[in-house]
Every structure is written in structure tokens, then in C-alpha cells.
C-alpha atoms as a PDB file:
ATOM      1  CA  MET A   1      53.968  -2.664 -16.623  1.00  0.00           C
ATOM      2  CA  THR A   2      52.348  -0.929 -13.707  1.00  0.00           C
ATOM      3  CA  THR A   3      49.978   1.984 -13.848  1.00  0.00           C
ATOM      4  CA  SER A   4      50.381   3.191 -10.293  1.00  0.00           C
ATOM      5  CA  GLY A   5      50.317   6.843 -11.323  1.00  0.00           C
ATOM      6  CA  ALA A   6      47.057   6.471 -13.233  1.00  0.00           C
ATOM      7  CA  SER A   7      44.731   5.684 -10.385  1.00  0.00           C
ATOM      8  CA  LYS A   8      41.737   7.795 -11.366  1.00  0.00           C
ATOM      9  CA  LEU A   9      39.547   7.604 -14.453  1.00  0.00           C
ATOM     10  CA  LEU A  10      37.246  10.409 -15.516  1.00  0.00           C
ATOM     11  CA  GLN A  11      34.567  10.159 -18.172  1.00  0.00           C
ATOM     12  CA  THR A  12      34.610  13.179 -20.449  1.00  0.00           C
ATOM     13  CA  GLY A  13      32.739  13.382 -23.702  1.00  0.00           C
ATOM     14  CA  GLY A  14      31.967   9.666 -23.860  1.00  0.00           C
ATOM     15  CA  ARG A  15      35.532   8.428 -23.298  1.00  0.00           C
ATOM     16  CA  LEU A  16      37.617   7.662 -20.251  1.00  0.00           C
ATOM     17  CA  VAL A  17      40.584   9.872 -19.480  1.00  0.00           C
ATOM     18  CA  ARG A  18      43.286   8.931 -16.982  1.00  0.00           C
ATOM     19  CA  VAL A  19      44.238  11.510 -14.394  1.00  0.00           C
ATOM     20  CA  PRO A  20      47.510  10.857 -12.543  1.00  0.00           C
ATOM     21  CA  LYS A  21      47.810  11.392  -8.794  1.00  0.00           C
ATOM     22  CA  THR A  22      50.927  13.489  -9.389  1.00  0.00           C
ATOM     23  CA  MET A  23      52.340  15.130 -12.463  1.00  0.00           C
ATOM     24  CA  PRO A  24      55.345  13.443 -14.087  1.00  0.00           C
ATOM     25  CA  THR A  25      58.657  14.797 -12.866  1.00  0.00           C
ATOM     26  CA  ASP A  26      60.684  17.303 -14.875  1.00  0.00           C
ATOM     27  CA  TRP A  27      63.203  14.556 -15.608  1.00  0.00           C
ATOM     28  CA  VAL A  28      60.502  12.392 -17.245  1.00  0.00           C
ATOM     29  CA  LEU A  29      59.109  15.335 -19.224  1.00  0.00           C
ATOM     30  CA  LYS A  30      62.618  16.248 -20.388  1.00  0.00           C
ATOM     31  CA  HIS A  31      63.175  12.713 -21.704  1.00  0.00           C
ATOM     32  CA  ILE A  32      59.870  12.866 -23.599  1.00  0.00           C
ATOM     33  CA  ALA A  33      60.562  16.318 -25.079  1.00  0.00           C
ATOM     34  CA  PHE A  34      64.232  15.636 -25.885  1.00  0.00           C
ATOM     35  CA  PRO A  35      64.575  11.861 -26.243  1.00  0.00           C
ATOM     36  CA  PRO A  36      67.997  10.341 -25.612  1.00  0.00           C
ATOM     37  CA  PRO A  37      69.563   7.883 -28.082  1.00  0.00           C
ATOM     38  CA  LYS A  38      67.909   4.465 -28.274  1.00  0.00           C
ATOM     39  CA  ALA A  39      71.091   2.867 -26.917  1.00  0.00           C
ATOM     40  CA  HIS A  40      70.417   4.467 -23.521  1.00  0.00           C
ATOM     41  CA  PHE A  41      67.303   2.307 -23.142  1.00  0.00           C
ATOM     42  CA  LEU A  42      68.985  -1.019 -23.978  1.00  0.00           C
ATOM     43  CA  PRO A  43      71.568  -3.074 -22.065  1.00  0.00           C
ATOM     44  CA  SER A  44      75.062  -2.974 -23.536  1.00  0.00           C
ATOM     45  CA  VAL A  45      77.625  -5.753 -23.878  1.00  0.00           C
ATOM     46  CA  LEU A  46      81.267  -4.959 -23.141  1.00  0.00           C
ATOM     47  CA  PRO A  47      84.093  -6.505 -25.211  1.00  0.00           C
ATOM     48  CA  SER A  48      84.841  -8.765 -22.230  1.00  0.00           C
ATOM     49  CA  GLY A  49      81.335 -10.262 -22.598  1.00  0.00           C
ATOM     50  CA  ARG A  50      79.932  -8.611 -19.476  1.00  0.00           C
ATOM     51  CA  THR A  51      76.430  -7.170 -19.851  1.00  0.00           C
ATOM     52  CA  MET A  52      75.861  -3.698 -18.457  1.00  0.00           C
ATOM     53  CA  PRO A  53      72.381  -2.472 -17.482  1.00  0.00           C
ATOM     54  CA  PRO A  54      70.778   0.265 -19.592  1.00  0.00           C
ATOM     55  CA  ARG A  55      71.763   3.848 -18.780  1.00  0.00           C
ATOM     56  CA  ILE A  56      68.106   4.656 -18.127  1.00  0.00           C
ATOM     57  CA  SER A  57      66.833   2.089 -15.627  1.00  0.00           C
ATOM     58  CA  LEU A  58      63.819  -0.092 -16.340  1.00  0.00           C
ATOM     59  CA  ALA A  59      61.851   1.668 -13.577  1.00  0.00           C
ATOM     60  CA  ASP A  60      62.576   5.051 -15.178  1.00  0.00           C
ATOM     61  CA  GLN A  61      61.629   3.629 -18.576  1.00  0.00           C
ATOM     62  CA  GLU A  62      58.278   2.588 -17.108  1.00  0.00           C
ATOM     63  CA  ARG A  63      57.755   6.090 -15.706  1.00  0.00           C
ATOM     64  CA  ILE A  64      58.436   7.556 -19.151  1.00  0.00           C
ATOM     65  CA  ARG A  65      56.150   4.973 -20.790  1.00  0.00           C
ATOM     66  CA  LEU A  66      53.322   5.770 -18.325  1.00  0.00           C
ATOM     67  CA  ALA A  67      53.639   9.507 -18.931  1.00  0.00           C
ATOM     68  CA  CYS A  68      53.519   8.856 -22.688  1.00  0.00           C
ATOM     69  CA  LYS A  69      50.398   6.714 -22.297  1.00  0.00           C
ATOM     70  CA  LEU A  70      48.721   9.441 -20.253  1.00  0.00           C
ATOM     71  CA  ALA A  71      49.599  12.033 -22.896  1.00  0.00           C
ATOM     72  CA  GLY A  72      48.552   9.792 -25.783  1.00  0.00           C
ATOM     73  CA  ILE A  73      52.078   9.593 -27.218  1.00  0.00           C
ATOM     74  CA  ASP A  74      53.496   6.461 -28.849  1.00  0.00           C
ATOM     75  CA  ALA A  75      56.525   5.804 -26.603  1.00  0.00           C
ATOM     76  CA  GLU A  76      58.235   3.413 -29.037  1.00  0.00           C
ATOM     77  CA  ARG A  77      58.039   5.753 -32.032  1.00  0.00           C
ATOM     78  CA  VAL A  78      58.462   9.191 -30.434  1.00  0.00           C
ATOM     79  CA  VAL A  79      60.779   8.573 -27.487  1.00  0.00           C
ATOM     80  CA  GLY A  80      62.538   5.449 -28.751  1.00  0.00           C
ATOM     81  CA  LEU A  81      61.649   3.127 -25.874  1.00  0.00           C
ATOM     82  CA  PRO A  82      61.923  -0.591 -26.612  1.00  0.00           C
ATOM     83  CA  ALA A  83      58.651  -2.403 -27.327  1.00  0.00           C
ATOM     84  CA  GLU A  84      56.642  -3.302 -24.258  1.00  0.00           C
ATOM     85  CA  GLN A  85      57.128  -6.957 -23.300  1.00  0.00           C
ATOM     86  CA  PRO A  86      53.958  -9.060 -22.934  1.00  0.00           C
ATOM     87  CA  VAL A  87      53.266 -10.150 -19.377  1.00  0.00           C
ATOM     88  CA  ASP A  88      53.942 -13.852 -18.787  1.00  0.00           C
ATOM     89  CA  VAL A  89      51.246 -15.407 -16.573  1.00  0.00           C
ATOM     90  CA  SER A  90      52.383 -19.024 -16.606  1.00  0.00           C
ATOM     91  CA  ALA A  91      52.538 -20.958 -13.345  1.00  0.00           C
ATOM     92  CA  LYS A  92      56.319 -21.082 -13.623  1.00  0.00           C
ATOM     93  CA  SER A  93      56.539 -17.283 -13.730  1.00  0.00           C
ATOM     94  CA  LEU A  94      54.116 -16.905 -10.826  1.00  0.00           C
ATOM     95  CA  TYR A  95      56.043 -19.350  -8.633  1.00  0.00           C
ATOM     96  CA  PRO A  96      59.656 -19.312  -9.848  1.00  0.00           C
ATOM     97  CA  LYS A  97      61.100 -20.923  -6.704  1.00  0.00           C
ATOM     98  CA  ARG A  98      58.078 -22.775  -5.312  1.00  0.00           C
ATOM     99  CA  SER A  99      56.815 -20.206  -2.886  1.00  0.00           C
ATOM    100  CA  SER A 100      55.199 -21.100   0.418  1.00  0.00           C
ATOM    101  CA  GLU A 101      51.687 -20.621  -1.033  1.00  0.00           C
ATOM    102  CA  LEU A 102      52.366 -23.216  -3.711  1.00  0.00           C
ATOM    103  CA  GLU A 103      53.923 -25.593  -1.168  1.00  0.00           C
ATOM    104  CA  LYS A 104      50.837 -25.179   1.048  1.00  0.00           C
ATOM    105  CA  PHE A 105      48.481 -25.819  -1.879  1.00  0.00           C
ATOM    106  CA  ILE A 106      50.377 -28.973  -2.923  1.00  0.00           C
ATOM    107  CA  ARG A 107      50.414 -30.233   0.673  1.00  0.00           C
ATOM    108  CA  GLU A 108      46.661 -29.637   1.132  1.00  0.00           C
ATOM    109  CA  LYS A 109      45.912 -31.420  -2.157  1.00  0.00           C
ATOM    110  CA  LYS A 110      48.001 -34.411  -1.095  1.00  0.00           C
ATOM    111  CA  ILE A 111      46.240 -34.534   2.301  1.00  0.00           C
ATOM    112  CA  ALA A 112      42.810 -34.425   0.612  1.00  0.00           C
ATOM    113  CA  GLU A 113      43.758 -37.310  -1.689  1.00  0.00           C
ATOM    114  CA  ASN A 114      45.031 -39.375   1.249  1.00  0.00           C
ATOM    115  CA  MET A 115      41.889 -38.654   3.297  1.00  0.00           C
ATOM    116  CA  ALA A 116      39.745 -39.877   0.403  1.00  0.00           C
ATOM    117  CA  LYS A 117      41.600 -43.230   0.533  1.00  0.00           C
ATOM    118  CA  MET A 118      41.425 -43.465   4.335  1.00  0.00           C
ATOM    119  CA  PRO A 119      38.262 -45.662   4.728  1.00  0.00           C
ATOM    120  CA  GLU A 120      39.787 -48.318   2.456  1.00  0.00           C
ATOM    121  CA  ARG A 121      43.081 -48.208   4.349  1.00  0.00           C
ATOM    122  CA  ILE A 122      41.317 -48.540   7.702  1.00  0.00           C
ATOM    123  CA  ALA A 123      39.254 -51.502   6.445  1.00  0.00           C
ATOM    124  CA  ALA A 124      42.408 -53.219   5.117  1.00  0.00           C
ATOM    125  CA  TRP A 125      44.236 -52.597   8.421  1.00  0.00           C
ATOM    126  CA  LYS A 126      41.310 -54.034  10.469  1.00  0.00           C
ATOM    127  CA  GLU A 127      41.160 -57.129   8.233  1.00  0.00           C
ATOM    128  CA  GLU A 128      44.917 -57.646   8.564  1.00  0.00           C
ATOM    129  CA  ARG A 129      44.710 -57.245  12.332  1.00  0.00           C
ATOM    130  CA  ARG A 130      41.796 -59.724  12.553  1.00  0.00           C
ATOM    131  CA  LYS A 131      43.731 -62.312  10.527  1.00  0.00           C
ATOM    132  CA  ALA A 132      46.837 -61.843  12.689  1.00  0.00           C
ATOM    133  CA  LYS A 133      44.758 -62.290  15.843  1.00  0.00           C
ATOM    134  CA  GLU A 134      43.140 -65.491  14.501  1.00  0.00           C
ATOM    135  CA  SER A 135      46.469 -67.001  13.505  1.00  0.00           C
ATOM    136  CA  ALA A 136      47.894 -66.270  16.970  1.00  0.00           C
ATOM    137  CA  LYS A 137      45.101 -68.258  18.697  1.00  0.00           C
ATOM    138  CA  PRO A 138      46.051 -71.744  19.789  1.00  0.00           C
ATOM    139  CA  ASP A 139      44.126 -74.724  18.343  1.00  0.00           C
ATOM    140  CA  MET A 140      43.179 -76.008  21.765  1.00  0.00           C
ATOM    141  CA  PRO A 141      40.565 -73.944  23.605  1.00  0.00           C
ATOM    142  CA  PHE A 142      42.255 -74.334  27.035  1.00  0.00           C
END
């Protein structure tokens, strides 16, 4: 759901109006003026069970939707586009395959936790070393 074409906002008469960098293409305007059947916007399933992509690609659907928004047209009702999907902002959607940024964050968090425990670990190691040294001393001083 990008709005790359609507980069400028103008205030006219107390309300903001979007002004696109470029006008929508003739192809987009044709699909708004003479909408294709709704089936062209949806994926189809063949009798073999294979799913085919929609005849009008998702990127083209977004271009049509953006042009409708700029013109103040309801894209679902007038053109027949499917309802706009809400954007998922969960951590799983942001990092579907554990990207390097997430790996780096997890690693830094683990290092910070270990550094917080470090004084205790050093004190325990010194105590253990002192005990080992004392037990290795012979009873006789010579």
C-alpha cells in the first residue's frame, strides 16, 4: 500500500489535496473508466488445483487504487478492486527469516547480559583459583 506517486500535499480551501509527481498512465485511466470484471483482480484456481496469479498484477492494482484515491473514487465499489488488506506490523512479518539486523540485535543483547554477570564470574574464578593454589601447597614449608 504505497503512495509513491502522491509525494506532494497542497493546502487548498482548508483541506489537503494530493498532487502526483506524474499523471496516471492511460492504461490506469482506462481501467478506472471501463472497469474489467472482478475476476481479473483475483487469483484463479485451475481444476488441477494450481493457483494462477490475477490477470491484473498486484502492482497494477495498487497503481489503479492510488489513482482512485487521488481522484476521490471508491476503488472497491466503482472499479471492483478487492478490499485493501490491513498492513501487518508484527515482529514476525518484519523479520520473516531472521534478518541480519535481528541477529545483530539478539547478539548485542546477549553480550550485554553476559557483561552484566562478568564481575560475579571473575570473583568466582579468582576464588576457585585461590582454593586450587592453596590445596596444591605442601604441608611442610620446606
